[in-house]
Amino acid sequence: MIVKELIEELQKLPQNSLVLVRGYENGHDKADSVAAMNVKKKLFPKNWEGEYEDKFDSDDEGGEIIPAVRIGSKRE
């Protein structure tokens, strides 16, 4: 994916969305996907975990649901 393609994909999504990428490990891969999602910020993430999670029970109390965009690669 090149910048022009990324911009075109991002323009289709809510402009106030948080942008997320996969954290941890080394190296870099070419971005090849853009996906809208909802996340919650973790209260006490471990140092090897990301700050946000997308797997939560809709009945969970607390934690604001935040619209987000995840930029991914083929290895994820």
N, C-alpha and C. Protein backbone atom coordinates (compact mmCIF):
# COMPACT_ATOMS: atom_id res chain seq x y z
N MET A 1 0.85 -1.17 0.00
CA MET A 1 0.00 0.00 0.00
C MET A 1 0.90 1.24 0.00
N ILE A 2 0.57 2.18 -0.85
CA ILE A 2 1.33 3.43 -0.89
C ILE A 2 0.50 4.53 -0.22
N VAL A 3 1.11 5.67 0.05
CA VAL A 3 0.46 6.76 0.78
C VAL A 3 -0.87 7.15 0.13
N LYS A 4 -0.88 7.27 -1.20
CA LYS A 4 -2.12 7.65 -1.90
C LYS A 4 -3.24 6.66 -1.59
N GLU A 5 -2.94 5.36 -1.63
CA GLU A 5 -3.96 4.34 -1.35
C GLU A 5 -4.41 4.42 0.11
N LEU A 6 -3.47 4.64 1.02
CA LEU A 6 -3.81 4.76 2.44
C LEU A 6 -4.73 5.95 2.67
N ILE A 7 -4.41 7.07 2.08
CA ILE A 7 -5.25 8.27 2.22
C ILE A 7 -6.66 8.00 1.69
N GLU A 8 -6.76 7.35 0.54
CA GLU A 8 -8.08 7.04 -0.03
C GLU A 8 -8.89 6.17 0.91
N GLU A 9 -8.26 5.17 1.52
CA GLU A 9 -8.97 4.29 2.46
C GLU A 9 -9.37 5.04 3.73
N LEU A 10 -8.47 5.86 4.25
CA LEU A 10 -8.76 6.59 5.48
C LEU A 10 -9.86 7.62 5.29
N GLN A 11 -9.98 8.20 4.10
CA GLN A 11 -11.02 9.19 3.84
C GLN A 11 -12.42 8.59 3.91
N LYS A 12 -12.53 7.29 3.80
CA LYS A 12 -13.83 6.61 3.86
C LYS A 12 -14.31 6.41 5.30
N LEU A 13 -13.44 6.65 6.27
CA LEU A 13 -13.72 6.34 7.68
C LEU A 13 -13.95 7.60 8.49
N PRO A 14 -14.58 7.46 9.67
CA PRO A 14 -14.80 8.64 10.53
C PRO A 14 -13.47 9.34 10.83
N GLN A 15 -13.43 10.64 10.61
CA GLN A 15 -12.19 11.40 10.71
C GLN A 15 -11.71 11.61 12.14
N ASN A 16 -12.54 11.31 13.14
CA ASN A 16 -12.11 11.46 14.53
C ASN A 16 -11.65 10.14 15.14
N SER A 17 -11.45 9.13 14.30
CA SER A 17 -11.04 7.81 14.79
C SER A 17 -9.58 7.80 15.22
N LEU A 18 -9.30 7.08 16.27
CA LEU A 18 -7.94 6.84 16.74
C LEU A 18 -7.25 5.91 15.75
N VAL A 19 -5.98 6.13 15.44
CA VAL A 19 -5.26 5.26 14.50
C VAL A 19 -4.37 4.33 15.31
N LEU A 20 -4.51 3.01 15.08
CA LEU A 20 -3.76 2.00 15.81
C LEU A 20 -2.91 1.17 14.85
N VAL A 21 -1.78 0.70 15.34
CA VAL A 21 -0.93 -0.24 14.62
C VAL A 21 -0.57 -1.35 15.61
N ARG A 22 -0.13 -2.47 15.10
CA ARG A 22 0.27 -3.56 15.98
C ARG A 22 1.53 -3.16 16.73
N GLY A 23 1.58 -3.45 17.99
CA GLY A 23 2.74 -3.11 18.80
C GLY A 23 3.62 -4.32 19.06
N TYR A 24 4.81 -4.06 19.60
CA TYR A 24 5.75 -5.09 20.04
C TYR A 24 6.44 -5.79 18.87
N GLU A 25 7.46 -6.54 19.19
CA GLU A 25 8.31 -7.26 18.25
C GLU A 25 9.17 -6.30 17.43
N ASN A 26 9.95 -6.82 16.48
CA ASN A 26 10.86 -5.97 15.70
C ASN A 26 10.51 -5.96 14.22
N GLY A 27 11.16 -5.04 13.52
CA GLY A 27 11.03 -4.97 12.07
C GLY A 27 9.77 -4.27 11.62
N HIS A 28 9.64 -4.20 10.32
CA HIS A 28 8.51 -3.51 9.71
C HIS A 28 8.03 -4.31 8.51
N ASP A 29 6.75 -4.24 8.25
CA ASP A 29 6.14 -4.82 7.06
C ASP A 29 5.36 -3.73 6.35
N LYS A 30 5.08 -3.96 5.09
CA LYS A 30 4.27 -3.04 4.30
C LYS A 30 2.83 -3.08 4.81
N ALA A 31 2.21 -1.93 4.98
CA ALA A 31 0.80 -1.87 5.35
C ALA A 31 -0.02 -2.35 4.16
N ASP A 32 -1.02 -3.19 4.44
CA ASP A 32 -1.86 -3.66 3.34
C ASP A 32 -3.34 -3.75 3.69
N SER A 33 -3.70 -3.24 4.88
CA SER A 33 -5.12 -3.25 5.22
C SER A 33 -5.45 -2.09 6.16
N VAL A 34 -6.69 -1.65 6.07
CA VAL A 34 -7.22 -0.61 6.93
C VAL A 34 -8.58 -1.10 7.39
N ALA A 35 -8.81 -1.13 8.70
CA ALA A 35 -10.08 -1.65 9.21
C ALA A 35 -10.60 -0.76 10.34
N ALA A 36 -11.89 -0.44 10.27
CA ALA A 36 -12.54 0.30 11.34
C ALA A 36 -12.88 -0.68 12.46
N MET A 37 -12.79 -0.20 13.70
CA MET A 37 -13.09 -1.05 14.85
C MET A 37 -13.43 -0.17 16.04
N ASN A 38 -13.93 -0.78 17.10
CA ASN A 38 -14.16 -0.09 18.36
C ASN A 38 -13.23 -0.70 19.39
N VAL A 39 -12.64 0.13 20.24
CA VAL A 39 -11.70 -0.34 21.24
C VAL A 39 -12.00 0.31 22.59
N LYS A 40 -11.40 -0.25 23.63
CA LYS A 40 -11.40 0.35 24.96
C LYS A 40 -9.95 0.43 25.41
N LYS A 41 -9.62 1.48 26.15
CA LYS A 41 -8.27 1.63 26.69
C LYS A 41 -8.15 0.72 27.90
N LYS A 42 -7.06 -0.07 27.97
CA LYS A 42 -6.80 -0.92 29.12
C LYS A 42 -6.36 -0.06 30.29
N LEU A 43 -6.78 -0.43 31.49
CA LEU A 43 -6.39 0.34 32.67
C LEU A 43 -4.93 0.11 33.05
N PHE A 44 -4.51 -1.14 33.03
CA PHE A 44 -3.15 -1.47 33.45
C PHE A 44 -2.53 -2.48 32.49
N PRO A 45 -2.20 -2.07 31.27
CA PRO A 45 -1.61 -3.02 30.32
C PRO A 45 -0.20 -3.42 30.76
N LYS A 46 0.15 -4.66 30.52
CA LYS A 46 1.51 -5.12 30.78
C LYS A 46 2.42 -4.47 29.73
N ASN A 47 3.73 -4.44 29.98
CA ASN A 47 4.62 -3.73 29.05
C ASN A 47 4.72 -4.41 27.68
N TRP A 48 4.25 -5.63 27.54
CA TRP A 48 4.28 -6.30 26.24
C TRP A 48 2.91 -6.27 25.55
N GLU A 49 1.93 -5.66 26.17
CA GLU A 49 0.59 -5.57 25.60
C GLU A 49 0.36 -4.19 25.01
N GLY A 50 -0.56 -4.11 24.09
CA GLY A 50 -0.97 -2.81 23.57
C GLY A 50 -1.84 -2.08 24.58
N GLU A 51 -1.98 -0.79 24.40
CA GLU A 51 -2.77 0.04 25.31
C GLU A 51 -4.28 -0.13 25.14
N TYR A 52 -4.70 -0.67 24.01
CA TYR A 52 -6.12 -0.77 23.70
C TYR A 52 -6.49 -2.22 23.41
N GLU A 53 -7.76 -2.55 23.65
CA GLU A 53 -8.24 -3.89 23.32
C GLU A 53 -9.52 -3.80 22.53
N ASP A 54 -9.68 -4.75 21.61
CA ASP A 54 -10.90 -4.76 20.80
C ASP A 54 -11.81 -5.91 21.17
N LYS A 55 -11.36 -6.79 22.03
CA LYS A 55 -12.18 -7.93 22.45
C LYS A 55 -12.69 -7.65 23.86
N PHE A 56 -13.95 -7.25 23.94
CA PHE A 56 -14.57 -6.96 25.23
C PHE A 56 -16.05 -7.27 25.14
N ASP A 57 -16.61 -7.59 26.26
CA ASP A 57 -18.03 -7.89 26.35
C ASP A 57 -18.79 -6.57 26.29
N SER A 58 -19.80 -6.49 25.45
CA SER A 58 -20.54 -5.24 25.31
C SER A 58 -21.24 -4.86 26.62
N ASP A 59 -21.36 -5.82 27.54
CA ASP A 59 -21.98 -5.53 28.84
C ASP A 59 -20.96 -5.08 29.88
N ASP A 60 -19.67 -5.07 29.52
CA ASP A 60 -18.64 -4.63 30.47
C ASP A 60 -18.96 -3.22 30.95
N GLU A 61 -18.76 -3.02 32.24
CA GLU A 61 -18.97 -1.68 32.78
C GLU A 61 -17.67 -0.91 32.73
N GLY A 62 -17.78 0.39 32.58
CA GLY A 62 -16.60 1.24 32.58
C GLY A 62 -15.87 1.19 31.26
N GLY A 63 -15.07 2.18 31.07
CA GLY A 63 -14.26 2.24 29.85
C GLY A 63 -15.05 2.74 28.67
N GLU A 64 -14.64 3.87 28.16
CA GLU A 64 -15.29 4.46 27.00
C GLU A 64 -14.98 3.64 25.76
N ILE A 65 -15.96 3.42 24.93
CA ILE A 65 -15.74 2.76 23.64
C ILE A 65 -15.28 3.84 22.66
N ILE A 66 -14.13 3.59 22.05
CA ILE A 66 -13.47 4.58 21.20
C ILE A 66 -13.46 4.07 19.76
N PRO A 67 -13.94 4.88 18.79
CA PRO A 67 -13.82 4.46 17.39
C PRO A 67 -12.35 4.52 16.98
N ALA A 68 -11.91 3.51 16.25
CA ALA A 68 -10.50 3.43 15.87
C ALA A 68 -10.36 2.88 14.47
N VAL A 69 -9.17 3.08 13.91
CA VAL A 69 -8.80 2.53 12.61
C VAL A 69 -7.51 1.77 12.82
N ARG A 70 -7.47 0.52 12.37
CA ARG A 70 -6.27 -0.30 12.52
C ARG A 70 -5.62 -0.47 11.16
N ILE A 71 -4.35 -0.14 11.11
CA ILE A 71 -3.57 -0.34 9.89
C ILE A 71 -2.78 -1.62 10.10
N GLY A 72 -2.97 -2.58 9.21
CA GLY A 72 -2.36 -3.89 9.39
C GLY A 72 -1.46 -4.30 8.23
N SER A 73 -0.83 -5.45 8.42
CA SER A 73 0.03 -6.02 7.39
C SER A 73 -0.31 -7.49 7.18
N LYS A 74 0.28 -8.09 6.18
CA LYS A 74 -0.05 -9.47 5.83
C LYS A 74 0.31 -10.48 6.92
N ARG A 75 1.23 -10.16 7.82
CA ARG A 75 1.66 -11.11 8.84
C ARG A 75 0.75 -11.13 10.06
N GLU A 76 -0.24 -10.29 10.09
CA GLU A 76 -1.09 -10.21 11.29
C GLU A 76 -2.31 -11.05 11.15
